[in-house]
Amino acid sequence: MESGTLNNNSLKAKTGSWVFFIDMNSFFATCEQQFNYWLRGRPVGVCVYTGKHGCVIAPSIEAKKKGIKLGMRLSQAMQICPELVPLETHPERYREIHKKFIKVLKTFAEDVIPKSIDEAIVDFTNCSLFYKDQLNLAQRIKEAIKNDVGDYLKISIGIAPNAFLAKFASTLQKPNGLVMITHDNIDDVLSKASLVDLPGIKQNMARRLIAGGVRNPVELRHATPGKLKDVCHSIVGAYWWYRLNFREVDQIDGRYKSMQAMRQVSLKQRQSIEILDQLLMTLSINLERRMVKEGVFTNEIFFFSRYEEGYSWKDHVITRKPIQDGMEIYNLLKMHMENHRRIHKCEPIINNKLTAMGITVERFVKDEAVQYELFSKDVEKDYLRKIVYDIKEKYGSDMIMRAIELRDENVLKDVIGFGSVKDLHSPQLFE
């Protein structure tokens, strides 16, 4: 098996498998407390921007105990907890700690998959001769992270025969927890949980299951795949049965299913339509860079925007041909926005009340599978784009730039989310 790629999905029950799901609790905030000793033990709220219109994207463990929640406006958070320390993000710190975290895990096993900036799966199924005691192994991992990554970082570990149950176990004792789910104790563990406590089940899905006579996780586990498929009107229902009965359906090969570029908009930025337009353009170009690196084109684009009054707008574009060029994505979205404004006679989508925007690309086509029209110049354009990014990779991102990238200020602040971290890893990273 290729190192760093898990393909252990199986509809047979896992009996001798052990998967660890490792979650770094309150990650951004504890990273800040790790770097700054005087923040330890204090309620901290990490924000992209720390003005009164800012938003808490990562409360510390201490802040959570005071009632501060993810996504809370900073002005509201300060009313609830006047002693809250608001901090702007330091993405390079988080990336560096993430890399150290994964490097430590790889000293214990080869089968390590980063699931996000603060989570990873480690499959010890092939290491049973080396590690006899799973709980002792988990304690060793915690100690290694404390010694080699950061002594203030809090780690929760879930252990189970498959990835889903390991993730669920990691949520049961936070912060700094350790829970093991086995064939013998699973019903007892599930009996203490509700349907929405299971990762991936939200209120709508829970209501559908309850309406179908499945009232709790134990009943979900002891239903039949056929019944759950009927209740959910989808094969997804059967997957819940597989997960709770020790089958593996969540260890995938790590390739992107989608890519997203999303940013909150500061009060200063939303005062200028030109800057908002540049922000949209920069998000589009960021997705271009990632698609070039992965060697894929997109056939489907989603856009969303949020506004001060709590309203939102969403758009969905299916492209006539696979595209990769950031300016094509930008122009396509702008055209859809203008058509919407003209048809509905409303204010522009990009306006001074905008608080957040994001673009998602899906339905990828590998670059070698893209079909070109007979007299199209796209072949030369796509080849040139790849050459440009090869130069950037080798000599630095500022070595060669488009004219539109030459601006007096950087409108897109460097931030990092909790999602995919595949861009942080390369085959040489841990050599």
Protein backbone atom coordinates (compact mmCIF):
# COMPACT_ATOMS: atom_id res chain seq x y z
CA MET A 1 0.00 0.00 0.00
CA GLU A 2 1.24 3.49 -0.84
CA SER A 3 2.26 5.35 2.30
CA GLY A 4 -0.26 7.99 3.31
CA THR A 5 -3.09 6.48 1.26
CA LEU A 6 -5.68 4.28 2.94
CA ASN A 7 -7.93 2.07 0.84
CA ASN A 8 -9.18 -0.34 3.49
CA ASN A 9 -12.90 -0.02 2.75
CA SER A 10 -14.71 -3.32 3.20
CA LEU A 11 -18.29 -4.44 3.76
CA LYS A 12 -17.01 -7.30 5.92
CA ALA A 13 -17.02 -6.67 9.65
CA LYS A 14 -13.63 -5.53 10.95
CA THR A 15 -12.46 -7.88 13.69
CA GLY A 16 -8.69 -7.42 13.99
CA SER A 17 -8.52 -3.79 12.89
CA TRP A 18 -7.61 -0.80 15.04
CA VAL A 19 -8.04 2.75 13.78
CA PHE A 20 -7.09 5.82 15.81
CA PHE A 21 -8.82 9.16 15.18
CA ILE A 22 -6.71 11.94 16.68
CA ASP A 23 -8.20 15.39 17.21
CA MET A 24 -6.25 18.43 18.42
CA ASN A 25 -8.82 20.23 20.58
CA SER A 26 -9.55 23.97 20.09
CA PHE A 27 -6.63 23.91 17.69
CA PHE A 28 -6.13 27.53 16.58
CA ALA A 29 -6.61 28.88 20.10
CA THR A 30 -4.33 26.34 21.79
CA CYS A 31 -1.68 27.03 19.14
CA GLU A 32 -1.78 30.68 20.22
CA GLN A 33 -1.56 29.63 23.87
CA GLN A 34 1.34 27.34 23.00
CA PHE A 35 3.27 30.23 21.45
CA ASN A 36 2.33 32.80 24.11
CA TYR A 37 2.68 31.54 27.68
CA TRP A 38 0.64 34.45 29.10
CA LEU A 39 -2.46 33.37 27.16
CA ARG A 40 -2.59 29.99 28.89
CA GLY A 41 -5.57 29.48 31.14
CA ARG A 42 -7.29 32.58 29.72
CA PRO A 43 -10.33 32.69 27.41
CA VAL A 44 -9.07 33.34 23.89
CA GLY A 45 -11.06 33.93 20.71
CA VAL A 46 -9.20 33.60 17.40
CA CYS A 47 -10.68 35.81 14.66
CA VAL A 48 -9.80 36.67 11.07
CA TYR A 49 -10.41 40.32 12.01
CA THR A 50 -10.63 41.69 15.56
CA GLY A 51 -12.87 44.72 14.94
CA LYS A 52 -16.30 44.81 16.56
CA HIS A 53 -17.78 43.22 13.43
CA GLY A 54 -15.26 40.37 13.60
CA CYS A 55 -16.27 36.76 14.12
CA VAL A 56 -14.81 34.13 16.49
CA ILE A 57 -13.63 31.24 14.33
CA ALA A 58 -11.89 29.34 17.17
CA PRO A 59 -12.66 29.79 20.88
CA SER A 60 -10.21 28.32 23.37
CA ILE A 61 -11.26 25.64 25.84
CA GLU A 62 -11.52 28.32 28.53
CA ALA A 63 -13.66 30.53 26.26
CA LYS A 64 -16.03 27.65 25.46
CA LYS A 65 -16.62 27.19 29.19
CA LYS A 66 -17.66 30.85 29.33
CA GLY A 67 -20.27 30.32 26.61
CA ILE A 68 -18.30 31.52 23.57
CA LYS A 69 -19.24 29.57 20.46
CA LEU A 70 -17.79 29.12 17.01
CA GLY A 71 -19.14 31.75 14.60
CA MET A 72 -20.21 34.20 17.34
CA ARG A 73 -19.81 37.89 16.56
CA LEU A 74 -16.91 39.35 18.53
CA SER A 75 -19.09 42.17 19.89
CA GLN A 76 -21.52 39.60 21.32
CA ALA A 77 -18.66 37.43 22.63
CA MET A 78 -17.17 40.38 24.53
CA GLN A 79 -20.54 41.05 26.18
CA ILE A 80 -20.76 37.44 27.34
CA CYS A 81 -17.11 37.26 28.40
CA PRO A 82 -15.51 40.71 28.92
CA GLU A 83 -12.16 39.10 29.77
CA LEU A 84 -12.01 37.37 26.35
CA VAL A 85 -8.70 37.97 24.54
CA PRO A 86 -9.40 38.46 20.81
CA LEU A 87 -6.51 37.47 18.54
CA GLU A 88 -6.01 37.60 14.80
CA THR A 89 -5.02 34.36 13.10
CA HIS A 90 -1.41 33.28 12.51
CA PRO A 91 -1.81 30.70 9.71
CA GLU A 92 1.89 29.85 9.41
CA ARG A 93 1.94 28.80 13.07
CA TYR A 94 -0.97 26.45 12.53
CA ARG A 95 0.54 24.96 9.39
CA GLU A 96 3.86 24.39 11.12
CA ILE A 97 2.26 22.69 14.13
CA HIS A 98 0.10 20.57 11.82
CA LYS A 99 3.18 19.32 9.97
CA LYS A 100 4.95 18.49 13.26
CA PHE A 101 1.80 16.70 14.45
CA ILE A 102 1.65 14.49 11.33
CA LYS A 103 5.39 13.85 11.48
CA VAL A 104 5.05 12.52 15.06
CA LEU A 105 2.19 10.21 14.03
CA LYS A 106 4.32 8.81 11.21
CA THR A 107 6.90 7.66 13.74
CA PHE A 108 4.28 5.22 15.04
CA ALA A 109 2.80 3.96 11.73
CA GLU A 110 2.99 4.53 8.00
CA ASP A 111 -0.77 4.60 7.41
CA VAL A 112 -1.47 8.20 8.42
CA ILE A 113 -4.09 10.33 6.68
CA PRO A 114 -4.46 14.03 7.61
CA LYS A 115 -8.21 14.68 7.61
CA SER A 116 -8.05 18.40 8.36
CA ILE A 117 -5.67 20.94 9.91
CA ASP A 118 -6.39 19.50 13.38
CA GLU A 119 -7.37 15.86 12.74
CA ALA A 120 -5.78 12.68 11.44
CA ILE A 121 -6.53 8.99 11.06
CA VAL A 122 -3.88 6.39 11.88
CA ASP A 123 -4.59 2.77 10.93
CA PHE A 124 -2.67 0.34 13.15
CA THR A 125 -4.23 -2.78 11.61
CA ASN A 126 -0.91 -3.78 10.04
CA CYS A 127 1.02 -3.10 13.27
CA SER A 128 -0.66 -5.58 15.62
CA LEU A 129 2.61 -7.44 16.23
CA PHE A 130 4.29 -4.24 17.42
CA TYR A 131 1.49 -2.75 19.51
CA LYS A 132 -0.39 -5.11 21.82
CA ASP A 133 -2.04 -2.54 24.10
CA GLN A 134 -4.08 0.10 22.22
CA LEU A 135 -4.72 2.33 25.24
CA ASN A 136 -1.05 2.34 26.17
CA LEU A 137 -0.20 3.22 22.58
CA ALA A 138 -2.62 6.16 22.68
CA GLN A 139 -0.93 7.46 25.84
CA ARG A 140 2.45 7.18 24.14
CA ILE A 141 1.15 9.21 21.19
CA LYS A 142 -0.17 11.89 23.54
CA GLU A 143 3.19 12.05 25.30
CA ALA A 144 5.10 12.26 22.01
CA ILE A 145 2.92 15.15 20.81
CA LYS A 146 3.39 16.92 24.13
CA ASN A 147 7.18 16.53 23.93
CA ASP A 148 7.77 17.10 20.21
CA VAL A 149 4.94 19.41 19.12
CA GLY A 150 3.72 21.43 22.10
CA ASP A 151 3.21 20.89 25.82
CA TYR A 152 -0.02 22.94 25.95
CA LEU A 153 -1.79 21.21 23.05
CA LYS A 154 -4.80 19.13 24.04
CA ILE A 155 -5.35 15.85 22.17
CA SER A 156 -8.45 13.65 22.11
CA ILE A 157 -8.05 10.14 20.71
CA GLY A 158 -10.78 7.77 19.67
CA ILE A 159 -9.99 4.09 19.03
CA ALA A 160 -12.25 1.67 17.18
CA PRO A 161 -12.21 -1.01 14.48
CA ASN A 162 -13.21 1.52 11.80
CA ALA A 163 -12.66 5.21 11.06
CA PHE A 164 -16.22 6.37 11.74
CA LEU A 165 -16.46 4.85 15.21
CA ALA A 166 -12.96 6.12 16.01
CA LYS A 167 -14.03 9.65 15.11
CA PHE A 168 -17.19 9.28 17.19
CA ALA A 169 -15.13 8.01 20.14
CA SER A 170 -12.83 11.05 19.90
CA THR A 171 -15.81 13.36 20.53
CA LEU A 172 -16.96 11.71 23.76
CA GLN A 173 -14.40 13.07 26.22
CA LYS A 174 -13.20 16.54 25.27
CA PRO A 175 -10.79 18.05 25.90
CA ASN A 176 -7.84 15.67 26.16
CA GLY A 177 -9.98 12.53 26.05
CA LEU A 178 -9.30 8.89 25.30
CA VAL A 179 -12.16 6.51 24.45
CA MET A 180 -12.03 3.04 22.95
CA ILE A 181 -15.03 1.39 21.24
CA THR A 182 -15.01 -2.40 20.88
CA HIS A 183 -17.42 -5.12 19.81
CA ASP A 184 -18.16 -5.68 23.50
CA ASN A 185 -18.95 -2.13 24.62
CA ILE A 186 -20.44 -0.48 21.54
CA ASP A 187 -24.11 -0.75 22.56
CA ASP A 188 -23.34 0.69 25.98
CA VAL A 189 -21.48 3.63 24.39
CA LEU A 190 -24.24 4.25 21.84
CA SER A 191 -26.96 4.12 24.51
CA LYS A 192 -25.58 7.32 26.04
CA ALA A 193 -25.75 9.24 22.73
CA SER A 194 -28.47 10.76 20.57
CA LEU A 195 -28.72 10.46 16.79
CA VAL A 196 -27.27 13.96 16.24
CA ASP A 197 -24.26 13.04 18.40
CA LEU A 198 -23.12 10.74 15.57
CA PRO A 199 -20.76 12.53 13.13
CA GLY A 200 -22.62 13.45 9.96
CA ILE A 201 -26.17 13.17 11.28
CA LYS A 202 -27.88 16.56 11.49
CA GLN A 203 -31.36 17.47 12.66
CA ASN A 204 -33.07 16.84 9.31
CA MET A 205 -31.60 13.34 9.01
CA ALA A 206 -32.43 12.62 12.65
CA ARG A 207 -36.07 13.63 12.10
CA ARG A 208 -36.27 11.37 9.05
CA LEU A 209 -34.87 8.42 11.00
CA ILE A 210 -37.21 9.00 13.96
CA ALA A 211 -40.18 9.23 11.60
CA GLY A 212 -39.09 5.85 10.23
CA GLY A 213 -39.05 4.29 13.70
CA VAL A 214 -35.31 4.60 14.38
CA ARG A 215 -35.17 6.66 17.57
CA ASN A 216 -31.58 6.37 18.78
CA PRO A 217 -28.12 5.11 17.79
CA VAL A 218 -28.68 1.63 19.27
CA GLU A 219 -31.81 1.14 17.15
CA LEU A 220 -29.87 2.49 14.17
CA ARG A 221 -27.19 -0.15 14.69
CA HIS A 222 -29.69 -2.99 15.08
CA ALA A 223 -31.92 -2.05 12.14
CA THR A 224 -31.27 -3.63 8.74
CA PRO A 225 -29.46 -1.97 5.83
CA GLY A 226 -32.58 -2.36 3.71
CA LYS A 227 -34.82 -0.61 6.22
CA LEU A 228 -32.39 2.27 6.68
CA LYS A 229 -32.04 2.66 2.93
CA ASP A 230 -35.84 2.94 2.66
CA VAL A 231 -36.12 5.36 5.59
CA CYS A 232 -33.41 7.65 4.21
CA HIS A 233 -34.51 7.21 0.59
CA SER A 234 -30.85 6.67 -0.22
CA ILE A 235 -27.95 4.23 0.03
CA VAL A 236 -26.68 6.65 2.71
CA GLY A 237 -29.00 4.87 5.15
CA ALA A 238 -27.27 1.56 4.57
CA TYR A 239 -23.91 3.26 5.15
CA TRP A 240 -24.96 4.17 8.70
CA TRP A 241 -25.63 0.49 9.39
CA TYR A 242 -22.24 -0.47 7.92
CA ARG A 243 -20.44 2.12 10.08
CA LEU A 244 -22.10 1.09 13.34
CA ASN A 245 -21.51 -2.60 12.60
CA PHE A 246 -17.74 -2.31 12.14
CA ARG A 247 -17.65 -2.13 8.35
CA GLU A 248 -15.30 0.40 6.77
CA VAL A 249 -16.72 2.88 4.26
CA ASP A 250 -14.81 6.02 5.23
CA GLN A 251 -11.18 5.26 4.37
CA ILE A 252 -10.81 6.87 0.95
CA ASP A 253 -7.80 7.48 -1.26
CA GLY A 254 -7.46 11.13 -0.28
CA ARG A 255 -8.17 12.70 -3.68
CA TYR A 256 -10.14 15.92 -3.76
CA LYS A 257 -13.90 15.67 -4.31
CA SER A 258 -14.21 19.45 -4.14
CA MET A 259 -12.13 22.56 -3.44
CA GLN A 260 -13.31 25.68 -1.68
CA ALA A 261 -12.00 29.22 -1.30
CA MET A 262 -13.92 31.26 1.27
CA ARG A 263 -13.23 34.42 3.23
CA GLN A 264 -14.94 36.73 5.68
CA VAL A 265 -15.02 40.37 4.62
CA SER A 266 -13.84 43.06 7.03
CA LEU A 267 -15.74 46.32 7.56
CA LYS A 268 -12.92 48.21 5.83
CA GLN A 269 -13.00 45.91 2.79
CA ARG A 270 -16.76 46.15 2.31
CA GLN A 271 -16.53 49.93 2.05
CA SER A 272 -14.97 49.55 -1.41
CA ILE A 273 -16.72 47.69 -4.24
CA GLU A 274 -13.41 47.57 -6.08
CA ILE A 275 -11.74 45.72 -3.20
CA LEU A 276 -14.68 43.29 -2.96
CA ASP A 277 -14.37 42.64 -6.67
CA GLN A 278 -10.64 42.02 -6.27
CA LEU A 279 -11.40 39.63 -3.42
CA LEU A 280 -13.71 37.61 -5.68
CA MET A 281 -11.01 37.58 -8.34
CA THR A 282 -8.36 36.43 -5.86
CA LEU A 283 -10.54 33.57 -4.61
CA SER A 284 -10.98 32.45 -8.21
CA ILE A 285 -7.24 32.54 -8.87
CA ASN A 286 -6.53 30.63 -5.65
CA LEU A 287 -8.78 27.83 -6.90
CA GLU A 288 -6.96 27.94 -10.24
CA ARG A 289 -3.64 27.44 -8.44
CA ARG A 290 -4.96 24.44 -6.51
CA MET A 291 -6.51 22.83 -9.60
CA VAL A 292 -3.28 23.26 -11.56
CA LYS A 293 -1.35 21.62 -8.71
CA GLU A 294 -3.79 18.67 -8.64
CA GLY A 295 -3.97 18.43 -12.44
CA VAL A 296 -7.77 18.78 -12.61
CA PHE A 297 -10.41 20.92 -14.31
CA THR A 298 -13.88 21.66 -12.94
CA ASN A 299 -17.32 21.21 -14.49
CA GLU A 300 -19.36 22.66 -11.63
CA ILE A 301 -19.02 25.89 -9.64
CA PHE A 302 -20.91 27.03 -6.54
CA PHE A 303 -20.88 30.55 -5.13
CA PHE A 304 -22.35 31.91 -1.90
CA SER A 305 -22.42 35.31 -0.22
CA ARG A 306 -23.63 36.49 3.19
CA TYR A 307 -24.75 39.97 4.24
CA GLU A 308 -25.03 42.10 7.38
CA GLU A 309 -28.76 41.48 7.84
CA GLY A 310 -28.21 37.72 7.90
CA TYR A 311 -29.36 37.18 4.31
CA SER A 312 -27.45 34.96 1.91
CA TRP A 313 -27.32 34.33 -1.83
CA LYS A 314 -26.25 31.15 -3.62
CA ASP A 315 -25.49 30.36 -7.23
CA HIS A 316 -24.75 27.14 -9.08
CA VAL A 317 -23.02 27.04 -12.46
CA ILE A 318 -22.51 23.98 -14.66
CA THR A 319 -19.86 24.82 -17.22
CA ARG A 320 -20.16 24.12 -20.93
CA LYS A 321 -16.64 22.65 -20.89
CA PRO A 322 -14.16 21.78 -18.11
CA ILE A 323 -12.35 24.93 -16.96
CA GLN A 324 -9.33 25.65 -14.80
CA ASP A 325 -8.56 29.30 -15.48
CA GLY A 326 -9.30 31.56 -12.51
CA MET A 327 -10.36 34.50 -14.68
CA GLU A 328 -12.84 32.28 -16.52
CA ILE A 329 -14.36 31.30 -13.17
CA TYR A 330 -14.45 34.96 -12.10
CA ASN A 331 -16.05 36.18 -15.34
CA LEU A 332 -18.60 33.36 -15.33
CA LEU A 333 -19.69 34.21 -11.78
CA LYS A 334 -19.83 37.93 -12.57
CA MET A 335 -22.01 37.25 -15.61
CA HIS A 336 -24.43 35.20 -13.49
CA MET A 337 -24.54 37.94 -10.86
CA GLU A 338 -25.33 40.59 -13.46
CA ASN A 339 -28.04 38.44 -15.06
CA HIS A 340 -29.63 37.91 -11.63
CA ARG A 341 -29.57 41.66 -10.90
CA ARG A 342 -31.07 42.50 -14.30
CA ILE A 343 -33.82 39.88 -14.19
CA HIS A 344 -34.87 40.53 -10.59
CA LYS A 345 -34.15 44.28 -10.64
CA CYS A 346 -32.31 44.03 -7.32
CA GLU A 347 -29.14 45.57 -5.95
CA PRO A 348 -25.80 44.06 -7.06
CA ILE A 349 -24.69 40.81 -5.42
CA ILE A 350 -21.31 42.38 -4.62
CA ASN A 351 -22.32 45.31 -2.40
CA ASN A 352 -21.26 47.17 0.74
CA LYS A 353 -23.23 44.91 3.09
CA LEU A 354 -21.27 41.80 2.14
CA THR A 355 -19.75 39.96 5.14
CA ALA A 356 -18.50 36.73 3.54
CA MET A 357 -18.16 35.04 0.17
CA GLY A 358 -16.98 31.68 -1.07
CA ILE A 359 -16.47 29.62 -4.21
CA THR A 360 -16.55 25.82 -4.44
CA VAL A 361 -15.53 23.77 -7.49
CA GLU A 362 -16.57 20.14 -8.01
CA ARG A 363 -17.00 17.40 -10.65
CA PHE A 364 -13.34 17.26 -11.55
CA VAL A 365 -11.87 16.02 -14.80
CA LYS A 366 -8.21 15.03 -14.94
CA ASP A 367 -6.19 17.29 -17.22
CA GLU A 368 -5.21 14.44 -19.56
CA ALA A 369 -8.91 13.62 -20.06
CA VAL A 370 -9.97 17.13 -21.14
CA GLN A 371 -11.30 17.18 -24.72
CA TYR A 372 -10.39 20.27 -26.76
CA GLU A 373 -12.36 21.73 -29.65
CA LEU A 374 -10.66 21.46 -33.03
CA PHE A 375 -9.74 25.15 -33.49
CA SER A 376 -9.54 26.10 -29.83
CA LYS A 377 -6.49 27.88 -28.42
CA ASP A 378 -7.17 26.40 -24.98
CA VAL A 379 -4.37 23.84 -25.43
CA GLU A 380 -1.74 26.59 -25.53
CA LYS A 381 -3.42 28.55 -22.70
CA ASP A 382 -3.62 25.51 -20.42
CA TYR A 383 -0.02 24.52 -21.15
CA LEU A 384 1.19 28.07 -20.48
CA ARG A 385 -0.74 28.13 -17.18
CA LYS A 386 1.02 24.97 -16.03
CA ILE A 387 4.41 26.42 -17.00
CA VAL A 388 3.67 29.59 -15.01
CA TYR A 389 2.89 27.61 -11.87
CA ASP A 390 5.95 25.42 -12.35
CA ILE A 391 8.04 28.60 -12.34
CA LYS A 392 6.23 29.92 -9.26
CA GLU A 393 6.81 26.60 -7.47
CA LYS A 394 10.49 26.58 -8.29
CA TYR A 395 11.44 30.26 -7.93
CA GLY A 396 8.71 31.80 -5.74
CA SER A 397 5.17 33.06 -6.27
CA ASP A 398 6.33 36.63 -6.97
CA MET A 399 8.75 35.65 -9.75
CA ILE A 400 6.06 35.79 -12.44
CA MET A 401 2.67 37.45 -11.98
CA ARG A 402 -0.38 38.46 -13.99
CA ALA A 403 -1.05 42.18 -14.32
CA ILE A 404 -4.24 41.75 -12.26
CA GLU A 405 -2.17 40.39 -9.37
CA LEU A 406 -0.15 43.62 -9.14
CA ARG A 407 -2.00 45.64 -6.51
CA ASP A 408 -0.97 48.16 -3.89
CA GLU A 409 -2.27 45.93 -1.10
CA ASN A 410 -3.08 42.31 -0.57
CA VAL A 411 -6.88 42.16 -0.31
CA LEU A 412 -6.92 38.49 0.64
CA LYS A 413 -5.54 38.04 4.13
CA ASP A 414 -3.71 34.76 4.70
CA VAL A 415 -6.06 32.56 6.69
CA ILE A 416 -6.53 28.84 6.97
CA GLY A 417 -9.67 26.88 7.68
CA PHE A 418 -10.35 23.52 9.27
CA GLY A 419 -10.95 21.75 5.98
CA SER A 420 -8.70 19.81 3.66
CA VAL A 421 -4.94 20.05 4.20
CA LYS A 422 -3.76 18.04 1.21
CA ASP A 423 -1.97 21.13 -0.14
CA LEU A 424 0.33 21.09 2.91
CA HIS A 425 1.72 17.66 2.11
CA SER A 426 4.11 16.39 -0.50
CA PRO A 427 5.92 13.07 -0.86
CA GLN A 428 9.13 14.70 0.39
CA LEU A 429 7.60 16.31 3.46
CA PHE A 430 8.40 13.58 5.97
CA GLU A 431 11.59 12.16 4.51
